[in-house]
Amino acid sequence: MILFKNVKPITDGKIQNKCDILVDNGKIIDISANISASKADTVYDLNGAILTAGYIDLHTHGGGGHDMMEGTALAIEEISKYHLSTGTTTYIPTTLTADIPTTLAAIDNVRNYKSNYARIYGTHLEGPFISMKAPGAHPPAYILEPNKENTKWVFDNKDIISRITVAPDQNQSDWFTKECTKNNIQISLGHDASIDDEINALTDNGASSVTHMYNCTSRCSRRTTPHKHLGLTEVGLTDNRLYNEVIADNRHVPNPLFKMIYKLKGADKICLVSDSLAIAGNHGGEFFLGSGVSKQRIQIEDGVAIIKELNTYAGSVTPISKMVANLCQNLNIPLEECVQMAALNQAKLMNMTDRGDIKIGMLADFNLIDEKGNLLKTYLGGVQVKL
């Protein structure tokens, strides 16, 4: 058994009084005052430090020099190591839009990999069911409109596909959302050119989040009449059924813009995501988003990854732990709310009942942080991470 003494855990979004936490077989079995050290084989006395649940990243393409679309065990292992080294103890590897055989190979690779590092919670398809009008860094040639024929592979792989980004302006996207929800696949709305009627149809059928808010999310617009419609950005900010993914790296979403999102949504409905790329955690060299025929060359400028040829952001190189520190230190958002946006909300969105908080029966995945949100140490299953 492992005993954490003299810690102040963040539970249910609140910093608790100093207590002890006992861990057995990787799970929390007791939280109380003055647990005897004689019960444990290993004791960590943390002297009143703040302990959080391990962070959860719902949207990440890679890190540590590798992209999940490479489809190799080495790629997933290095990505898992990278995330764990940054305080992310659970993550969802995310695809780049590609041909179906390449996508299937990538998700099958994740299915077969048994991680000793950060835990994997299915896969996130960030395509191919996005809009031709807002592809971002995704190759338009492989975008599909969902129908019964070209989505069969999704439901055949529902054991490993945990979430999908869908554009509401795609034909039959409401039908597809309903079917995914029936099969316990979470639908996030994004990469779209949709209007409120289309967005509401998907939300009514179970869609529950917005993919990287303010990045390829539609705005207020007109269609065929002078009547103005809200876009996904406005609906996402005002419909409380929808969580907002936010890349809080002060680039994809500048800090003043995050402050507005936070004011409208509150800490309860924001999920910090890294949208990290292979280049995250690396310096120098040539890197790509995706792999094979769909790969896009990326480079770092001003602390963010871009595709020079498209003049667009490709993704982030900032881990969630640094986003927590940024929001706490530069926007003065309460520490416990910053942590909530990094773990608890993600667990609620994805119905993860065994992680995302510090409670008896949950996984003993922890981050030790200081009062400014800086990451100090990480524990996986109660064991201190040393990479």
Protein backbone atom coordinates (compact mmCIF):
# COMPACT_ATOMS: atom_id res chain seq x y z
CA MET A 1 0.00 0.00 0.00
CA ILE A 2 0.99 3.64 -0.56
CA LEU A 3 0.16 6.46 1.84
CA PHE A 4 0.04 10.15 0.96
CA LYS A 5 0.24 12.14 4.19
CA ASN A 6 -0.50 15.79 4.82
CA VAL A 7 -2.06 16.68 1.48
CA LYS A 8 -4.78 19.13 0.49
CA PRO A 9 -6.70 17.37 -2.28
CA ILE A 10 -8.91 19.17 -4.78
CA THR A 11 -12.21 17.27 -4.72
CA ASP A 12 -15.45 18.25 -6.46
CA GLY A 13 -13.69 21.43 -7.63
CA LYS A 14 -12.77 22.58 -4.11
CA ILE A 15 -9.53 22.53 -2.12
CA GLN A 16 -10.12 20.34 0.94
CA ASN A 17 -8.59 20.47 4.41
CA LYS A 18 -5.33 18.67 4.99
CA CYS A 19 -5.75 14.89 5.16
CA ASP A 20 -4.14 11.53 4.29
CA ILE A 21 -4.88 9.31 1.29
CA LEU A 22 -4.32 5.54 1.29
CA VAL A 23 -3.81 3.72 -2.00
CA ASP A 24 -3.98 -0.01 -2.69
CA ASN A 25 -3.51 -1.68 -6.07
CA GLY A 26 -3.55 1.67 -7.83
CA LYS A 27 -6.84 2.90 -6.34
CA ILE A 28 -7.83 5.16 -3.46
CA ILE A 29 -9.20 3.11 -0.54
CA ASP A 30 -9.28 5.71 2.25
CA ILE A 31 -9.27 9.48 2.66
CA SER A 32 -9.18 10.64 6.27
CA ALA A 33 -7.11 12.35 8.93
CA ASN A 34 -4.11 10.68 10.57
CA ILE A 35 -3.97 7.35 8.74
CA SER A 36 -1.25 5.27 10.39
CA ALA A 37 1.98 4.98 8.41
CA SER A 38 2.17 1.37 9.57
CA LYS A 39 -0.55 0.51 7.03
CA ALA A 40 1.65 1.38 4.07
CA ASP A 41 4.78 0.06 2.40
CA THR A 42 5.55 3.49 0.90
CA VAL A 43 4.81 6.85 2.52
CA TYR A 44 4.90 10.25 0.81
CA ASP A 45 4.70 13.09 3.32
CA LEU A 46 3.80 16.11 1.19
CA ASN A 47 3.76 18.72 3.96
CA GLY A 48 0.38 20.25 3.18
CA ALA A 49 0.89 20.50 -0.58
CA ILE A 50 -1.99 20.57 -3.08
CA LEU A 51 -2.89 17.30 -4.79
CA THR A 52 -5.08 17.17 -7.90
CA ALA A 53 -6.47 14.38 -10.03
CA GLY A 54 -4.27 13.59 -13.02
CA TYR A 55 -5.14 15.76 -16.00
CA ILE A 56 -7.20 14.37 -18.89
CA ASP A 57 -6.60 15.39 -22.52
CA LEU A 58 -9.54 14.71 -24.85
CA HIS A 59 -7.88 16.02 -27.99
CA THR A 60 -4.24 15.33 -28.84
CA HIS A 61 -2.56 14.15 -32.03
CA GLY A 62 0.82 13.34 -30.55
CA GLY A 63 3.95 14.45 -28.75
CA GLY A 64 7.47 13.33 -28.01
CA GLY A 65 8.32 13.32 -31.71
CA HIS A 66 5.46 11.07 -32.86
CA ASP A 67 1.92 11.29 -34.29
CA MET A 68 -0.78 8.72 -33.57
CA MET A 69 -1.43 8.36 -37.32
CA GLU A 70 1.96 6.68 -37.68
CA GLY A 71 0.22 3.51 -36.56
CA THR A 72 3.16 2.00 -34.67
CA ALA A 73 3.55 0.81 -31.10
CA LEU A 74 6.63 3.03 -30.75
CA ALA A 75 4.60 6.11 -31.69
CA ILE A 76 1.89 5.46 -29.10
CA GLU A 77 4.46 4.59 -26.43
CA GLU A 78 6.39 7.84 -26.95
CA ILE A 79 3.17 9.88 -27.03
CA SER A 80 2.07 8.20 -23.78
CA LYS A 81 5.41 8.98 -22.16
CA TYR A 82 5.21 12.60 -23.28
CA HIS A 83 1.76 13.12 -21.82
CA LEU A 84 2.59 11.47 -18.53
CA SER A 85 5.70 13.64 -18.22
CA THR A 86 3.48 16.73 -18.44
CA GLY A 87 0.90 15.65 -15.84
CA THR A 88 -1.65 14.21 -18.26
CA THR A 89 -2.43 10.75 -16.91
CA THR A 90 -5.28 9.94 -19.33
CA TYR A 91 -5.53 10.98 -22.97
CA ILE A 92 -7.51 10.25 -26.13
CA PRO A 93 -5.31 9.87 -29.25
CA THR A 94 -6.84 11.94 -32.05
CA THR A 95 -6.79 11.23 -35.77
CA LEU A 96 -6.09 13.54 -38.68
CA THR A 97 -8.51 13.15 -41.59
CA ALA A 98 -7.11 10.47 -43.91
CA ASP A 99 -8.28 7.60 -46.10
CA ILE A 100 -10.26 4.95 -44.20
CA PRO A 101 -7.61 2.16 -44.34
CA THR A 102 -5.00 4.49 -42.83
CA THR A 103 -7.44 5.63 -40.13
CA LEU A 104 -8.40 2.04 -39.30
CA ALA A 105 -4.75 1.05 -39.02
CA ALA A 106 -4.10 3.94 -36.62
CA ILE A 107 -7.02 3.17 -34.32
CA ASP A 108 -6.30 -0.57 -34.42
CA ASN A 109 -2.75 0.23 -33.33
CA VAL A 110 -4.14 2.08 -30.31
CA ARG A 111 -6.46 -0.84 -29.54
CA ASN A 112 -3.54 -3.28 -29.47
CA TYR A 113 -1.17 -1.13 -27.41
CA LYS A 114 -1.08 -1.74 -23.66
CA SER A 115 0.34 1.41 -22.12
CA ASN A 116 2.58 1.43 -19.07
CA TYR A 117 2.52 5.21 -19.16
CA ALA A 118 -0.42 7.61 -19.58
CA ARG A 119 -3.73 5.77 -19.78
CA ILE A 120 -5.55 5.70 -23.14
CA TYR A 121 -9.32 6.18 -23.24
CA GLY A 122 -10.31 5.18 -26.75
CA THR A 123 -9.67 7.34 -29.80
CA HIS A 124 -11.04 10.62 -31.11
CA LEU A 125 -11.86 10.92 -34.82
CA GLU A 126 -11.34 14.57 -35.77
CA GLY A 127 -12.51 13.67 -39.23
CA PRO A 128 -13.47 12.63 -41.83
CA PHE A 129 -17.00 13.92 -41.03
CA ILE A 130 -16.11 17.61 -41.00
CA SER A 131 -17.03 20.43 -43.38
CA MET A 132 -15.29 21.11 -46.69
CA LYS A 133 -15.77 24.79 -45.83
CA ALA A 134 -13.69 24.62 -42.63
CA PRO A 135 -11.06 21.88 -42.94
CA GLY A 136 -8.34 23.72 -41.05
CA ALA A 137 -5.22 21.53 -41.23
CA HIS A 138 -7.21 18.50 -42.45
CA PRO A 139 -6.73 17.39 -46.09
CA PRO A 140 -10.06 18.13 -47.88
CA ALA A 141 -9.61 15.18 -50.25
CA TYR A 142 -10.52 12.71 -47.50
CA ILE A 143 -13.55 14.49 -46.01
CA LEU A 144 -16.78 12.43 -46.10
CA GLU A 145 -20.46 13.09 -45.58
CA PRO A 146 -21.81 10.49 -43.13
CA ASN A 147 -24.29 7.91 -44.39
CA LYS A 148 -25.19 4.33 -43.56
CA GLU A 149 -22.64 2.91 -45.99
CA ASN A 150 -19.54 4.99 -45.20
CA THR A 151 -20.00 4.98 -41.40
CA LYS A 152 -20.31 1.22 -40.91
CA TRP A 153 -16.63 1.04 -40.00
CA VAL A 154 -17.22 3.50 -37.17
CA PHE A 155 -19.75 1.28 -35.43
CA ASP A 156 -17.67 -1.82 -36.14
CA ASN A 157 -14.95 -0.12 -34.08
CA LYS A 158 -17.07 1.42 -31.31
CA ASP A 159 -14.95 -0.44 -28.73
CA ILE A 160 -12.02 1.89 -29.48
CA ILE A 161 -13.70 5.02 -30.92
CA SER A 162 -14.81 7.05 -27.89
CA ARG A 163 -15.56 10.41 -29.52
CA ILE A 164 -15.95 11.99 -32.97
CA THR A 165 -15.88 15.58 -34.24
CA VAL A 166 -18.80 16.18 -36.62
CA ALA A 167 -19.75 19.27 -38.64
CA PRO A 168 -23.49 20.03 -38.29
CA ASP A 169 -23.68 21.31 -41.89
CA GLN A 170 -22.85 17.83 -43.20
CA ASN A 171 -25.82 16.00 -44.71
CA GLN A 172 -27.26 13.37 -42.35
CA SER A 173 -25.08 14.58 -39.48
CA ASP A 174 -28.13 14.59 -37.18
CA TRP A 175 -28.82 10.94 -38.01
CA PHE A 176 -25.15 10.08 -37.47
CA THR A 177 -25.06 11.90 -34.13
CA LYS A 178 -28.12 10.00 -32.93
CA GLU A 179 -26.61 6.65 -33.92
CA CYS A 180 -23.27 7.46 -32.27
CA THR A 181 -24.99 8.53 -29.07
CA LYS A 182 -26.91 5.21 -29.03
CA ASN A 183 -23.55 3.45 -29.30
CA ASN A 184 -21.92 5.48 -26.48
CA ILE A 185 -19.69 7.48 -28.82
CA GLN A 186 -19.48 11.11 -27.69
CA ILE A 187 -20.09 13.70 -30.43
CA SER A 188 -18.27 17.02 -30.49
CA LEU A 189 -19.22 19.73 -32.99
CA GLY A 190 -16.54 21.48 -35.01
CA HIS A 191 -14.72 22.24 -38.28
CA ASP A 192 -18.03 23.54 -39.57
CA ALA A 193 -19.90 26.17 -41.57
CA SER A 194 -23.22 25.49 -39.89
CA ILE A 195 -26.10 27.59 -38.60
CA ASP A 196 -28.10 27.37 -35.41
CA ASP A 197 -30.89 25.14 -36.78
CA GLU A 198 -28.35 22.51 -37.85
CA ILE A 199 -26.39 22.81 -34.61
CA ASN A 200 -29.49 22.49 -32.45
CA ALA A 201 -30.55 19.37 -34.36
CA LEU A 202 -27.31 17.63 -33.41
CA THR A 203 -27.40 18.84 -29.82
CA ASP A 204 -30.97 17.56 -29.53
CA ASN A 205 -29.68 14.19 -30.77
CA GLY A 206 -26.91 13.98 -28.16
CA ALA A 207 -23.93 16.12 -29.23
CA SER A 208 -22.36 17.45 -26.03
CA SER A 209 -19.26 19.53 -26.81
CA VAL A 210 -17.58 21.95 -29.22
CA THR A 211 -14.19 21.06 -30.67
CA HIS A 212 -11.46 23.66 -29.99
CA MET A 213 -13.69 26.72 -29.60
CA TYR A 214 -12.77 29.69 -31.85
CA ASN A 215 -10.71 27.43 -34.10
CA CYS A 216 -12.72 26.43 -37.18
CA THR A 217 -16.02 27.05 -35.36
CA SER A 218 -18.62 28.90 -37.48
CA ARG A 219 -19.80 32.43 -36.68
CA CYS A 220 -23.05 34.38 -37.07
CA SER A 221 -23.98 34.41 -40.80
CA ARG A 222 -26.69 34.47 -43.44
CA ARG A 223 -27.67 31.74 -45.85
CA THR A 224 -30.23 32.50 -48.57
CA THR A 225 -32.20 35.27 -46.85
CA PRO A 226 -31.26 38.42 -44.90
CA HIS A 227 -32.09 36.57 -41.68
CA LYS A 228 -29.02 36.16 -39.46
CA HIS A 229 -28.29 32.78 -37.89
CA LEU A 230 -26.03 32.03 -34.97
CA GLY A 231 -22.99 29.92 -35.74
CA LEU A 232 -21.35 27.21 -33.64
CA THR A 233 -19.27 29.79 -31.79
CA GLU A 234 -22.33 31.67 -30.53
CA VAL A 235 -24.40 28.55 -29.84
CA GLY A 236 -21.47 26.88 -28.09
CA LEU A 237 -21.05 29.88 -25.81
CA THR A 238 -24.74 30.12 -24.89
CA ASP A 239 -26.12 26.56 -24.91
CA ASN A 240 -25.31 25.07 -21.53
CA ARG A 241 -25.71 21.54 -22.87
CA LEU A 242 -22.40 21.98 -24.69
CA TYR A 243 -18.96 21.77 -23.10
CA ASN A 244 -16.31 23.90 -24.83
CA GLU A 245 -12.91 22.44 -25.66
CA VAL A 246 -10.42 25.29 -25.33
CA ILE A 247 -6.73 25.38 -26.32
CA ALA A 248 -5.67 27.85 -23.63
CA ASP A 249 -2.14 28.40 -24.95
CA ASN A 250 -2.57 32.19 -25.40
CA ARG A 251 -2.24 31.63 -29.16
CA HIS A 252 -5.15 29.52 -30.45
CA VAL A 253 -7.22 31.28 -27.80
CA PRO A 254 -5.53 34.48 -26.54
CA ASN A 255 -5.92 35.06 -22.82
CA PRO A 256 -8.39 37.98 -23.19
CA LEU A 257 -10.59 35.76 -25.37
CA PHE A 258 -10.39 32.93 -22.84
CA LYS A 259 -11.55 35.38 -20.20
CA MET A 260 -14.69 36.01 -22.26
CA ILE A 261 -15.35 32.29 -22.76
CA TYR A 262 -14.89 31.73 -19.02
CA LYS A 263 -17.31 34.56 -18.22
CA LEU A 264 -19.99 33.08 -20.51
CA LYS A 265 -19.53 29.36 -19.82
CA GLY A 266 -18.09 29.30 -16.31
CA ALA A 267 -15.53 26.75 -15.12
CA ASP A 268 -18.15 23.98 -15.18
CA LYS A 269 -18.40 23.81 -18.97
CA ILE A 270 -14.82 24.26 -20.20
CA CYS A 271 -12.44 21.41 -21.01
CA LEU A 272 -8.82 22.37 -21.55
CA VAL A 273 -7.27 20.41 -24.43
CA SER A 274 -3.76 20.47 -25.82
CA ASP A 275 -4.47 19.54 -29.46
CA SER A 276 -0.77 18.73 -29.25
CA LEU A 277 1.33 17.58 -32.18
CA ALA A 278 4.36 15.35 -32.63
CA ILE A 279 6.62 18.35 -32.19
CA ALA A 280 5.35 18.94 -28.62
CA GLY A 281 8.16 18.18 -26.20
CA ASN A 282 10.81 18.26 -28.92
CA HIS A 283 13.28 20.79 -30.23
CA GLY A 284 14.54 21.00 -33.79
CA GLY A 285 14.07 18.55 -36.63
CA GLU A 286 11.35 18.19 -39.23
CA PHE A 287 7.85 17.27 -38.04
CA PHE A 288 4.47 16.52 -39.54
CA LEU A 289 0.80 16.44 -38.55
CA GLY A 290 -0.53 13.01 -39.47
CA SER A 291 1.36 10.40 -41.46
CA GLY A 292 1.48 8.88 -44.94
CA VAL A 293 -0.31 10.56 -47.84
CA SER A 294 -2.32 12.91 -45.60
CA LYS A 295 0.59 14.29 -43.59
CA GLN A 296 1.16 18.04 -43.38
CA ARG A 297 4.53 19.65 -42.68
CA ILE A 298 4.52 21.74 -39.49
CA GLN A 299 6.88 24.20 -37.87
CA ILE A 300 7.00 26.30 -34.71
CA GLU A 301 6.66 30.07 -34.83
CA ASP A 302 6.05 32.28 -31.79
CA GLY A 303 5.34 29.30 -29.55
CA VAL A 304 2.70 27.67 -31.75
CA ALA A 305 2.64 25.07 -34.55
CA ILE A 306 1.69 26.31 -38.02
CA ILE A 307 1.34 24.94 -41.54
CA LYS A 308 3.22 27.59 -43.47
CA GLU A 309 1.72 26.73 -46.85
CA LEU A 310 -1.85 27.13 -45.54
CA ASN A 311 -1.10 30.09 -43.25
CA THR A 312 -2.97 28.33 -40.44
CA TYR A 313 -2.41 26.99 -36.96
CA ALA A 314 -1.88 23.23 -37.01
CA GLY A 315 -2.14 22.50 -33.31
CA SER A 316 -0.55 23.24 -29.99
CA VAL A 317 2.76 22.45 -28.35
CA THR A 318 1.50 23.45 -24.88
CA PRO A 319 0.48 20.70 -22.41
CA ILE A 320 -2.59 21.07 -20.21
CA SER A 321 -0.42 21.51 -17.10
CA LYS A 322 1.06 24.71 -18.54
CA MET A 323 -2.42 25.92 -19.46
CA VAL A 324 -3.50 25.49 -15.83
CA ALA A 325 -0.53 27.58 -14.70
CA ASN A 326 -1.19 30.21 -17.41
CA LEU A 327 -4.83 30.70 -16.44
CA CYS A 328 -4.07 30.77 -12.73
CA GLN A 329 -1.15 33.19 -12.96
CA ASN A 330 -2.14 35.46 -15.85
CA LEU A 331 -5.93 35.59 -15.60
CA ASN A 332 -6.25 35.11 -11.84
CA ILE A 333 -8.78 32.32 -12.27
CA PRO A 334 -9.08 30.38 -8.96
CA LEU A 335 -6.68 27.44 -8.87
CA GLU A 336 -9.36 24.87 -8.12
CA GLU A 337 -11.35 26.04 -11.16
CA CYS A 338 -8.29 25.76 -13.39
CA VAL A 339 -7.83 22.18 -12.19
CA GLN A 340 -11.53 21.45 -12.70
CA MET A 341 -11.16 22.47 -16.35
CA ALA A 342 -8.20 20.08 -16.68
CA ALA A 343 -9.67 16.89 -15.22
CA LEU A 344 -13.12 16.85 -13.59
CA ASN A 345 -15.04 18.31 -16.54
CA GLN A 346 -13.43 15.91 -19.00
CA ALA A 347 -14.39 12.97 -16.80
CA LYS A 348 -17.99 14.19 -16.60
CA LEU A 349 -18.22 14.78 -20.36
CA MET A 350 -16.91 11.29 -21.17
CA ASN A 351 -18.68 9.51 -18.29
CA MET A 352 -15.38 8.41 -16.78
CA THR A 353 -16.44 7.20 -13.34
CA ASP A 354 -13.03 6.06 -12.08
CA ARG A 355 -10.87 9.18 -12.65
CA GLY A 356 -10.88 12.97 -12.87
CA ASP A 357 -11.35 13.53 -9.13
CA ILE A 358 -9.91 12.41 -5.80
CA LYS A 359 -12.43 10.11 -4.13
CA ILE A 360 -12.48 6.64 -2.61
CA GLY A 361 -12.62 3.97 -5.32
CA MET A 362 -11.02 6.13 -8.01
CA LEU A 363 -7.66 5.66 -9.69
CA ALA A 364 -4.78 7.09 -7.69
CA ASP A 365 -3.58 9.28 -10.57
CA PHE A 366 -2.40 12.55 -9.03
CA ASN A 367 -0.54 15.76 -9.76
CA LEU A 368 1.30 17.65 -7.06
CA ILE A 369 1.11 21.39 -7.80
CA ASP A 370 1.99 24.63 -6.08
CA GLU A 371 -0.42 27.49 -5.34
CA LYS A 372 0.28 29.06 -8.74
CA GLY A 373 -0.69 25.91 -10.63
CA ASN A 374 2.85 24.86 -11.51
CA LEU A 375 3.27 21.10 -11.89
CA LEU A 376 5.74 19.63 -9.39
CA LYS A 377 5.25 15.84 -9.51
CA THR A 378 2.95 13.25 -11.05
CA TYR A 379 1.79 9.91 -9.64
CA LEU A 380 0.25 7.11 -11.70
CA GLY A 381 -1.65 4.54 -9.67
CA GLY A 382 -0.05 6.07 -6.59
CA VAL A 383 3.52 5.56 -7.87
CA GLN A 384 5.68 8.64 -8.52
CA VAL A 385 6.42 9.07 -12.22
CA LYS A 386 10.10 9.17 -13.16
CA LEU A 387 10.71 9.34 -16.92
